[in-house]
Amino acid sequence: MDLGITGKRALVLASSRGLGKGIAVALAREGAHVLLCGRSADVLKANCDAINADGPGRADFVQADLAGESFVETVEKAVSETLGGLDILVNNSGGPTPGSIEDMSEEKLAAYFQSMVLRIITLTNRLLPGMKAQRWGRILTVASSGVIEPIPGLALSNTLRPALAGWSKTLASEVAEYGITSNLLLPGSIFTDRLKSLDAAAAERSGRSVEEVRAAAEKAIPARRYGTVEEFAAAAAFLCSVPASYVTGSLVRCDGGAARSV
């Protein structure tokens, strides 16, 4: 299938590694010009070099920290100067530290709200006028399966990610007439460094080995395995595509059937 995004300009937040990097690679392979974003310039440069060597799309990067006060202004400027506008926005952020509700201090909640919710909404609002003017755009927000089925031990994530679900759905209804879609993509157990760290934390809490934790987790997934970054990124690329133009306001799961709700 031709996704129709050759030459489209895309910004992927938190794309130094993991799901964000995977999405950036997938979009570039479809011919998009991708602007990667993250905290480590060295890692981002290496990612861009690999993407540019592979083609057919191209990649540049902007060094910016979602938790930083100047994040929105820095990224907005980079979009204008490097891409000359934007067609595709992939909102992504790192997950918060594991813990219970009682571990969720006011300071920690406020800090993660800034980086996981406020910065994403503010940046999207800054970039929307350009999409409206060209009457085409894709806004894809990566959240978590905890939006529909809270994950034990991830109280902060379970609290903050659902805010993006309500926001994305509301946004979809407000921008659809401009040819802009807004969707939420929910990863289940995708094998990234983040998942490895969560398995390690679960092993420490339970007194089991990491291998035992992983085996039990995979047994609970109907697909009987963890997903790959490439599988998740393929779903993301489709939602950013021209053929997906009538898919908006949706909450899409990529979880191997793990969520039990309808």
C-alpha atoms as a PDB file:
ATOM      1  CA  MET A   1       0.000   0.000   0.000  1.00  0.00           C
ATOM      2  CA  ASP A   2       1.222   3.466  -0.893  1.00  0.00           C
ATOM      3  CA  LEU A   3       0.788   5.571   2.262  1.00  0.00           C
ATOM      4  CA  GLY A   4       0.978   8.771   0.240  1.00  0.00           C
ATOM      5  CA  ILE A   5       3.377  10.548   2.562  1.00  0.00           C
ATOM      6  CA  THR A   6       6.414  10.923   0.305  1.00  0.00           C
ATOM      7  CA  GLY A   7       7.682  14.456   0.876  1.00  0.00           C
ATOM      8  CA  LYS A   8       5.398  15.043   3.870  1.00  0.00           C
ATOM      9  CA  ARG A   9       6.992  16.877   6.788  1.00  0.00           C
ATOM     10  CA  ALA A  10       6.824  15.051  10.105  1.00  0.00           C
ATOM     11  CA  LEU A  11       7.820  15.834  13.680  1.00  0.00           C
ATOM     12  CA  VAL A  12       8.262  12.911  16.074  1.00  0.00           C
ATOM     13  CA  LEU A  13       8.696  13.763  19.746  1.00  0.00           C
ATOM     14  CA  ALA A  14      10.870  11.658  22.067  1.00  0.00           C
ATOM     15  CA  SER A  15      12.481   9.878  19.127  1.00  0.00           C
ATOM     16  CA  SER A  16      15.945   9.165  20.523  1.00  0.00           C
ATOM     17  CA  ARG A  17      15.005   5.542  21.090  1.00  0.00           C
ATOM     18  CA  GLY A  18      12.143   3.103  21.544  1.00  0.00           C
ATOM     19  CA  LEU A  19       8.734   3.731  20.020  1.00  0.00           C
ATOM     20  CA  GLY A  20       9.502   7.283  18.936  1.00  0.00           C
ATOM     21  CA  LYS A  21      12.629   6.250  17.059  1.00  0.00           C
ATOM     22  CA  GLY A  22      10.744   3.373  15.476  1.00  0.00           C
ATOM     23  CA  ILE A  23       7.999   5.693  14.203  1.00  0.00           C
ATOM     24  CA  ALA A  24      10.559   8.149  12.808  1.00  0.00           C
ATOM     25  CA  VAL A  25      12.276   5.333  10.917  1.00  0.00           C
ATOM     26  CA  ALA A  26       8.956   4.023   9.564  1.00  0.00           C
ATOM     27  CA  LEU A  27       7.852   7.457   8.312  1.00  0.00           C
ATOM     28  CA  ALA A  28      11.205   8.095   6.645  1.00  0.00           C
ATOM     29  CA  ARG A  29      11.044   4.737   4.898  1.00  0.00           C
ATOM     30  CA  GLU A  30       7.752   5.917   3.411  1.00  0.00           C
ATOM     31  CA  GLY A  31       9.535   8.974   2.029  1.00  0.00           C
ATOM     32  CA  ALA A  32       8.743  11.584   4.679  1.00  0.00           C
ATOM     33  CA  HIS A  33      11.118  14.306   5.857  1.00  0.00           C
ATOM     34  CA  VAL A  34      11.270  13.617   9.576  1.00  0.00           C
ATOM     35  CA  LEU A  35      12.408  15.924  12.373  1.00  0.00           C
ATOM     36  CA  LEU A  36      13.520  13.877  15.365  1.00  0.00           C
ATOM     37  CA  CYS A  37      13.382  15.375  18.842  1.00  0.00           C
ATOM     38  CA  GLY A  38      14.989  14.429  22.134  1.00  0.00           C
ATOM     39  CA  ARG A  39      17.517  15.309  24.801  1.00  0.00           C
ATOM     40  CA  SER A  40      20.690  13.684  23.463  1.00  0.00           C
ATOM     41  CA  ALA A  41      22.180  15.368  20.395  1.00  0.00           C
ATOM     42  CA  ASP A  42      24.674  12.537  19.859  1.00  0.00           C
ATOM     43  CA  VAL A  43      21.982   9.855  19.848  1.00  0.00           C
ATOM     44  CA  LEU A  44      19.691  11.909  17.615  1.00  0.00           C
ATOM     45  CA  LYS A  45      22.503  12.562  15.135  1.00  0.00           C
ATOM     46  CA  ALA A  46      23.293   8.858  14.979  1.00  0.00           C
ATOM     47  CA  ASN A  47      19.617   8.095  14.347  1.00  0.00           C
ATOM     48  CA  CYS A  48      19.467  10.684  11.567  1.00  0.00           C
ATOM     49  CA  ASP A  49      22.660   9.403   9.961  1.00  0.00           C
ATOM     50  CA  ALA A  50      21.211   5.885   9.867  1.00  0.00           C
ATOM     51  CA  ILE A  51      17.894   7.082   8.425  1.00  0.00           C
ATOM     52  CA  ASN A  52      19.580   9.223   5.782  1.00  0.00           C
ATOM     53  CA  ALA A  53      21.844   6.358   4.751  1.00  0.00           C
ATOM     54  CA  ASP A  54      18.814   4.088   4.369  1.00  0.00           C
ATOM     55  CA  GLY A  55      16.369   6.453   2.598  1.00  0.00           C
ATOM     56  CA  PRO A  56      14.158   7.152   0.760  1.00  0.00           C
ATOM     57  CA  GLY A  57      13.057   9.892   3.180  1.00  0.00           C
ATOM     58  CA  ARG A  58      15.386  12.141   5.130  1.00  0.00           C
ATOM     59  CA  ALA A  59      15.890  13.098   8.749  1.00  0.00           C
ATOM     60  CA  ASP A  60      17.046  16.079  10.801  1.00  0.00           C
ATOM     61  CA  PHE A  61      16.862  16.636  14.536  1.00  0.00           C
ATOM     62  CA  VAL A  62      16.223  19.224  17.202  1.00  0.00           C
ATOM     63  CA  GLN A  63      17.630  18.867  20.704  1.00  0.00           C
ATOM     64  CA  ALA A  64      14.853  19.696  23.163  1.00  0.00           C
ATOM     65  CA  ASP A  65      13.686  18.345  26.516  1.00  0.00           C
ATOM     66  CA  LEU A  66       9.938  17.932  27.053  1.00  0.00           C
ATOM     67  CA  ALA A  67      10.496  18.897  30.672  1.00  0.00           C
ATOM     68  CA  GLY A  68      12.271  22.132  29.751  1.00  0.00           C
ATOM     69  CA  GLU A  69      10.650  25.559  29.909  1.00  0.00           C
ATOM     70  CA  SER A  70      11.794  26.450  26.381  1.00  0.00           C
ATOM     71  CA  PHE A  71      10.683  23.171  24.786  1.00  0.00           C
ATOM     72  CA  VAL A  72       7.711  24.493  22.814  1.00  0.00           C
ATOM     73  CA  GLU A  73       9.518  27.559  21.455  1.00  0.00           C
ATOM     74  CA  THR A  74      12.624  25.548  20.521  1.00  0.00           C
ATOM     75  CA  VAL A  75      10.668  22.896  18.644  1.00  0.00           C
ATOM     76  CA  GLU A  76       8.329  25.360  16.956  1.00  0.00           C
ATOM     77  CA  LYS A  77      11.334  27.288  15.634  1.00  0.00           C
ATOM     78  CA  ALA A  78      12.991  24.097  14.382  1.00  0.00           C
ATOM     79  CA  VAL A  79       9.826  23.046  12.547  1.00  0.00           C
ATOM     80  CA  SER A  80       9.719  26.394  10.778  1.00  0.00           C
ATOM     81  CA  GLU A  81      13.415  26.627   9.936  1.00  0.00           C
ATOM     82  CA  THR A  82      14.115  22.972   9.130  1.00  0.00           C
ATOM     83  CA  LEU A  83      10.852  21.704   7.673  1.00  0.00           C
ATOM     84  CA  GLY A  84       9.195  24.927   6.547  1.00  0.00           C
ATOM     85  CA  GLY A  85       5.893  23.768   8.000  1.00  0.00           C
ATOM     86  CA  LEU A  86       4.339  20.558   9.229  1.00  0.00           C
ATOM     87  CA  ASP A  87       2.058  17.832   7.900  1.00  0.00           C
ATOM     88  CA  ILE A  88       2.429  15.106  10.525  1.00  0.00           C
ATOM     89  CA  LEU A  89       2.805  15.510  14.286  1.00  0.00           C
ATOM     90  CA  VAL A  90       3.567  12.467  16.412  1.00  0.00           C
ATOM     91  CA  ASN A  91       3.164  13.302  20.091  1.00  0.00           C
ATOM     92  CA  ASN A  92       5.212  10.936  22.192  1.00  0.00           C
ATOM     93  CA  SER A  93       6.815  11.113  25.622  1.00  0.00           C
ATOM     94  CA  GLY A  94       8.745   8.878  27.945  1.00  0.00           C
ATOM     95  CA  GLY A  95       6.823   7.093  30.654  1.00  0.00           C
ATOM     96  CA  PRO A  96       6.919   8.154  34.303  1.00  0.00           C
ATOM     97  CA  THR A  97       8.517   6.213  37.115  1.00  0.00           C
ATOM     98  CA  PRO A  98       6.644   3.159  38.404  1.00  0.00           C
ATOM     99  CA  GLY A  99       4.880   3.397  41.747  1.00  0.00           C
ATOM    100  CA  SER A 100       1.623   3.301  43.657  1.00  0.00           C
ATOM    101  CA  ILE A 101      -0.906   6.048  44.262  1.00  0.00           C
ATOM    102  CA  GLU A 102       0.756   6.773  47.617  1.00  0.00           C
ATOM    103  CA  ASP A 103       4.085   7.259  45.819  1.00  0.00           C
ATOM    104  CA  MET A 104       2.511   9.964  43.658  1.00  0.00           C
ATOM    105  CA  SER A 105       3.605  13.147  45.421  1.00  0.00           C
ATOM    106  CA  GLU A 106       2.254  16.541  44.412  1.00  0.00           C
ATOM    107  CA  GLU A 107       5.670  17.576  43.085  1.00  0.00           C
ATOM    108  CA  LYS A 108       6.087  14.424  41.008  1.00  0.00           C
ATOM    109  CA  LEU A 109       2.556  14.650  39.615  1.00  0.00           C
ATOM    110  CA  ALA A 110       3.046  18.294  38.616  1.00  0.00           C
ATOM    111  CA  ALA A 111       6.406  17.612  36.962  1.00  0.00           C
ATOM    112  CA  TYR A 112       5.155  14.731  34.851  1.00  0.00           C
ATOM    113  CA  PHE A 113       1.966  16.617  33.963  1.00  0.00           C
ATOM    114  CA  GLN A 114       4.163  19.333  32.483  1.00  0.00           C
ATOM    115  CA  SER A 115       6.160  16.956  30.278  1.00  0.00           C
ATOM    116  CA  MET A 116       3.516  14.368  29.409  1.00  0.00           C
ATOM    117  CA  VAL A 117       0.407  16.512  28.974  1.00  0.00           C
ATOM    118  CA  LEU A 118       0.898  20.278  29.052  1.00  0.00           C
ATOM    119  CA  ARG A 119       3.856  20.525  26.654  1.00  0.00           C
ATOM    120  CA  ILE A 120       2.162  18.227  24.127  1.00  0.00           C
ATOM    121  CA  ILE A 121      -1.089  20.179  24.132  1.00  0.00           C
ATOM    122  CA  THR A 122       0.677  23.538  23.948  1.00  0.00           C
ATOM    123  CA  LEU A 123       2.940  22.480  21.074  1.00  0.00           C
ATOM    124  CA  THR A 124       0.025  21.022  19.134  1.00  0.00           C
ATOM    125  CA  ASN A 125      -1.906  24.276  19.499  1.00  0.00           C
ATOM    126  CA  ARG A 126       1.100  26.200  18.159  1.00  0.00           C
ATOM    127  CA  LEU A 127       1.393  23.959  15.094  1.00  0.00           C
ATOM    128  CA  LEU A 128      -2.317  23.613  14.279  1.00  0.00           C
ATOM    129  CA  PRO A 129      -2.765  26.904  12.368  1.00  0.00           C
ATOM    130  CA  GLY A 130      -0.379  25.764   9.646  1.00  0.00           C
ATOM    131  CA  MET A 131      -2.213  22.457   9.224  1.00  0.00           C
ATOM    132  CA  LYS A 132      -5.551  24.270   9.075  1.00  0.00           C
ATOM    133  CA  ALA A 133      -4.265  26.678   6.447  1.00  0.00           C
ATOM    134  CA  GLN A 134      -3.119  23.834   4.182  1.00  0.00           C
ATOM    135  CA  ARG A 135      -6.259  21.817   5.009  1.00  0.00           C
ATOM    136  CA  TRP A 136      -4.328  18.623   5.693  1.00  0.00           C
ATOM    137  CA  GLY A 137      -2.670  17.177   8.741  1.00  0.00           C
ATOM    138  CA  ARG A 138      -2.144  14.143  10.918  1.00  0.00           C
ATOM    139  CA  ILE A 139      -1.880  14.298  14.707  1.00  0.00           C
ATOM    140  CA  LEU A 140      -1.024  10.999  16.323  1.00  0.00           C
ATOM    141  CA  THR A 141      -0.561  10.754  20.075  1.00  0.00           C
ATOM    142  CA  VAL A 142       1.170   7.747  21.615  1.00  0.00           C
ATOM    143  CA  ALA A 143      -0.241   6.917  25.032  1.00  0.00           C
ATOM    144  CA  SER A 144      -0.483   3.582  26.883  1.00  0.00           C
ATOM    145  CA  SER A 145      -2.809   0.615  27.212  1.00  0.00           C
ATOM    146  CA  GLY A 146      -3.291   1.884  30.779  1.00  0.00           C
ATOM    147  CA  VAL A 147      -5.769   4.372  29.265  1.00  0.00           C
ATOM    148  CA  ILE A 148      -8.326   1.575  28.898  1.00  0.00           C
ATOM    149  CA  GLU A 149      -7.062  -0.892  31.499  1.00  0.00           C
ATOM    150  CA  PRO A 150      -4.967   0.599  34.328  1.00  0.00           C
ATOM    151  CA  ILE A 151      -1.636  -1.159  34.750  1.00  0.00           C
ATOM    152  CA  PRO A 152      -0.684  -2.236  38.281  1.00  0.00           C
ATOM    153  CA  GLY A 153       2.309  -0.326  39.625  1.00  0.00           C
ATOM    154  CA  LEU A 154       2.030   2.522  37.092  1.00  0.00           C
ATOM    155  CA  ALA A 155      -0.194   4.957  38.996  1.00  0.00           C
ATOM    156  CA  LEU A 156       1.302   8.088  37.433  1.00  0.00           C
ATOM    157  CA  SER A 157       0.907   6.809  33.901  1.00  0.00           C
ATOM    158  CA  ASN A 158      -2.630   5.578  34.597  1.00  0.00           C
ATOM    159  CA  THR A 159      -3.507   9.042  35.887  1.00  0.00           C
ATOM    160  CA  LEU A 160      -1.949  11.233  33.193  1.00  0.00           C
ATOM    161  CA  ARG A 161      -2.276   9.292  29.938  1.00  0.00           C
ATOM    162  CA  PRO A 162      -6.117   9.297  29.989  1.00  0.00           C
ATOM    163  CA  ALA A 163      -6.051  13.103  29.917  1.00  0.00           C
ATOM    164  CA  LEU A 164      -4.575  12.849  26.429  1.00  0.00           C
ATOM    165  CA  ALA A 165      -7.350  10.475  25.365  1.00  0.00           C
ATOM    166  CA  GLY A 166     -10.056  13.000  26.188  1.00  0.00           C
ATOM    167  CA  TRP A 167      -8.047  15.802  24.609  1.00  0.00           C
ATOM    168  CA  SER A 168      -7.328  13.878  21.380  1.00  0.00           C
ATOM    169  CA  LYS A 169     -10.972  12.897  20.942  1.00  0.00           C
ATOM    170  CA  THR A 170     -12.139  16.481  21.479  1.00  0.00           C
ATOM    171  CA  LEU A 171      -9.487  17.798  19.115  1.00  0.00           C
ATOM    172  CA  ALA A 172     -10.562  15.356  16.406  1.00  0.00           C
ATOM    173  CA  SER A 173     -14.074  16.775  16.313  1.00  0.00           C
ATOM    174  CA  GLU A 174     -12.771  20.338  16.112  1.00  0.00           C
ATOM    175  CA  VAL A 175     -10.295  19.895  13.239  1.00  0.00           C
ATOM    176  CA  ALA A 176     -11.850  17.195  11.021  1.00  0.00           C
ATOM    177  CA  GLU A 177     -13.369  19.743   8.642  1.00  0.00           C
ATOM    178  CA  TYR A 178      -9.850  20.973   7.838  1.00  0.00           C
ATOM    179  CA  GLY A 179      -8.698  17.544   6.667  1.00  0.00           C
ATOM    180  CA  ILE A 180      -6.822  16.951   9.916  1.00  0.00           C
ATOM    181  CA  THR A 181      -7.105  13.705  11.852  1.00  0.00           C
ATOM    182  CA  SER A 182      -6.349  13.156  15.531  1.00  0.00           C
ATOM    183  CA  ASN A 183      -5.905   9.645  16.874  1.00  0.00           C
ATOM    184  CA  LEU A 184      -4.507   7.923  19.937  1.00  0.00           C
ATOM    185  CA  LEU A 185      -2.298   4.848  19.553  1.00  0.00           C
ATOM    186  CA  LEU A 186      -1.960   2.605  22.570  1.00  0.00           C
ATOM    187  CA  PRO A 187       1.033   0.294  22.874  1.00  0.00           C
ATOM    188  CA  GLY A 188       0.715  -2.844  24.908  1.00  0.00           C
ATOM    189  CA  SER A 189       3.833  -4.797  25.765  1.00  0.00           C
ATOM    190  CA  ILE A 190       6.223  -3.644  23.050  1.00  0.00           C
ATOM    191  CA  PHE A 191       9.784  -4.845  23.592  1.00  0.00           C
ATOM    192  CA  THR A 192      11.688  -1.632  24.303  1.00  0.00           C
ATOM    193  CA  ASP A 193      14.192  -0.537  26.943  1.00  0.00           C
ATOM    194  CA  ARG A 194      11.246   0.917  28.861  1.00  0.00           C
ATOM    195  CA  LEU A 195       9.550  -2.493  29.004  1.00  0.00           C
ATOM    196  CA  LYS A 196      12.799  -4.122  30.072  1.00  0.00           C
ATOM    197  CA  SER A 197      13.072  -1.677  32.980  1.00  0.00           C
ATOM    198  CA  LEU A 198       9.455  -2.287  33.991  1.00  0.00           C
ATOM    199  CA  ASP A 199      10.019  -6.043  33.950  1.00  0.00           C
ATOM    200  CA  ALA A 200      13.131  -5.571  36.083  1.00  0.00           C
ATOM    201  CA  ALA A 201      11.158  -3.461  38.578  1.00  0.00           C
ATOM    202  CA  ALA A 202       8.403  -6.092  38.706  1.00  0.00           C
ATOM    203  CA  ALA A 203      10.987  -8.803  39.293  1.00  0.00           C
ATOM    204  CA  GLU A 204      12.486  -6.864  42.185  1.00  0.00           C
ATOM    205  CA  ARG A 205       9.083  -6.273  43.776  1.00  0.00           C
ATOM    206  CA  SER A 206       7.987  -9.903  43.453  1.00  0.00           C
ATOM    207  CA  GLY A 207      11.274 -11.672  44.166  1.00  0.00           C
ATOM    208  CA  ARG A 208      11.146 -13.458  40.815  1.00  0.00           C
ATOM    209  CA  SER A 209      13.677 -13.431  38.000  1.00  0.00           C
ATOM    210  CA  VAL A 210      13.218 -11.127  35.024  1.00  0.00           C
ATOM    211  CA  GLU A 211      12.813 -14.220  32.837  1.00  0.00           C
ATOM    212  CA  GLU A 212       9.958 -15.469  35.025  1.00  0.00           C
ATOM    213  CA  VAL A 213       8.265 -12.077  34.926  1.00  0.00           C
ATOM    214  CA  ARG A 214       8.499 -11.915  31.153  1.00  0.00           C
ATOM    215  CA  ALA A 215       7.258 -15.486  30.676  1.00  0.00           C
ATOM    216  CA  ALA A 216       4.216 -14.788  32.845  1.00  0.00           C
ATOM    217  CA  ALA A 217       3.503 -11.539  31.011  1.00  0.00           C
ATOM    218  CA  GLU A 218       3.736 -13.170  27.589  1.00  0.00           C
ATOM    219  CA  LYS A 219       1.470 -16.015  28.696  1.00  0.00           C
ATOM    220  CA  ALA A 220      -1.225 -13.455  29.570  1.00  0.00           C
ATOM    221  CA  ILE A 221      -1.131 -11.952  26.060  1.00  0.00           C
ATOM    222  CA  PRO A 222      -3.309 -13.782  23.490  1.00  0.00           C
ATOM    223  CA  ALA A 223      -0.501 -13.444  20.919  1.00  0.00           C
ATOM    224  CA  ARG A 224       1.769 -15.129  23.518  1.00  0.00           C
ATOM    225  CA  ARG A 225       4.652 -12.716  22.938  1.00  0.00           C
ATOM    226  CA  TYR A 226       5.776  -9.132  23.271  1.00  0.00           C
ATOM    227  CA  GLY A 227       5.305  -6.916  20.233  1.00  0.00           C
ATOM    228  CA  THR A 228       8.153  -5.413  18.249  1.00  0.00           C
ATOM    229  CA  VAL A 229       8.883  -1.749  17.705  1.00  0.00           C
ATOM    230  CA  GLU A 230       8.562  -2.320  13.960  1.00  0.00           C
ATOM    231  CA  GLU A 231       5.021  -3.678  14.341  1.00  0.00           C
ATOM    232  CA  PHE A 232       3.986  -0.710  16.433  1.00  0.00           C
ATOM    233  CA  ALA A 233       5.647   1.770  14.073  1.00  0.00           C
ATOM    234  CA  ALA A 234       3.825   0.261  11.087  1.00  0.00           C
ATOM    235  CA  ALA A 235       0.487   0.919  12.791  1.00  0.00           C
ATOM    236  CA  ALA A 236       1.598   4.488  13.520  1.00  0.00           C
ATOM    237  CA  ALA A 237       2.685   5.088   9.925  1.00  0.00           C
ATOM    238  CA  PHE A 238      -0.698   3.960   8.629  1.00  0.00           C
ATOM    239  CA  LEU A 239      -2.549   6.345  10.958  1.00  0.00           C
ATOM    240  CA  CYS A 240      -0.357   9.163   9.587  1.00  0.00           C
ATOM    241  CA  SER A 241      -1.120   8.224   5.998  1.00  0.00           C
ATOM    242  CA  VAL A 242      -3.381   9.484   3.226  1.00  0.00           C
ATOM    243  CA  PRO A 243      -5.417   6.227   3.135  1.00  0.00           C
ATOM    244  CA  ALA A 244      -6.246   6.752   6.841  1.00  0.00           C
ATOM    245  CA  SER A 245      -7.965  10.079   6.142  1.00  0.00           C
ATOM    246  CA  TYR A 246     -11.364   8.856   7.429  1.00  0.00           C
ATOM    247  CA  VAL A 247      -9.909   7.444  10.655  1.00  0.00           C
ATOM    248  CA  THR A 248     -10.104  10.129  13.329  1.00  0.00           C
ATOM    249  CA  GLY A 249     -11.134  10.438  16.949  1.00  0.00           C
ATOM    250  CA  SER A 250     -10.087   6.823  17.346  1.00  0.00           C
ATOM    251  CA  LEU A 251      -8.279   4.977  20.076  1.00  0.00           C
ATOM    252  CA  VAL A 252      -6.245   2.230  18.404  1.00  0.00           C
ATOM    253  CA  ARG A 253      -4.666  -0.614  20.328  1.00  0.00           C
ATOM    254  CA  CYS A 254      -1.463  -2.357  19.339  1.00  0.00           C
ATOM    255  CA  ASP A 255      -1.247  -4.888  22.136  1.00  0.00           C
ATOM    256  CA  GLY A 256      -1.513  -8.429  20.775  1.00  0.00           C
ATOM    257  CA  GLY A 257      -5.063  -8.629  22.130  1.00  0.00           C
ATOM    258  CA  ALA A 258      -3.970  -8.083  25.734  1.00  0.00           C
ATOM    259  CA  ALA A 259      -6.718  -5.637  26.756  1.00  0.00           C
ATOM    260  CA  ARG A 260      -9.796  -7.544  27.855  1.00  0.00           C
ATOM    261  CA  SER A 261     -12.344  -4.757  27.413  1.00  0.00           C
ATOM    262  CA  VAL A 262     -14.397  -4.433  24.233  1.00  0.00           C
END
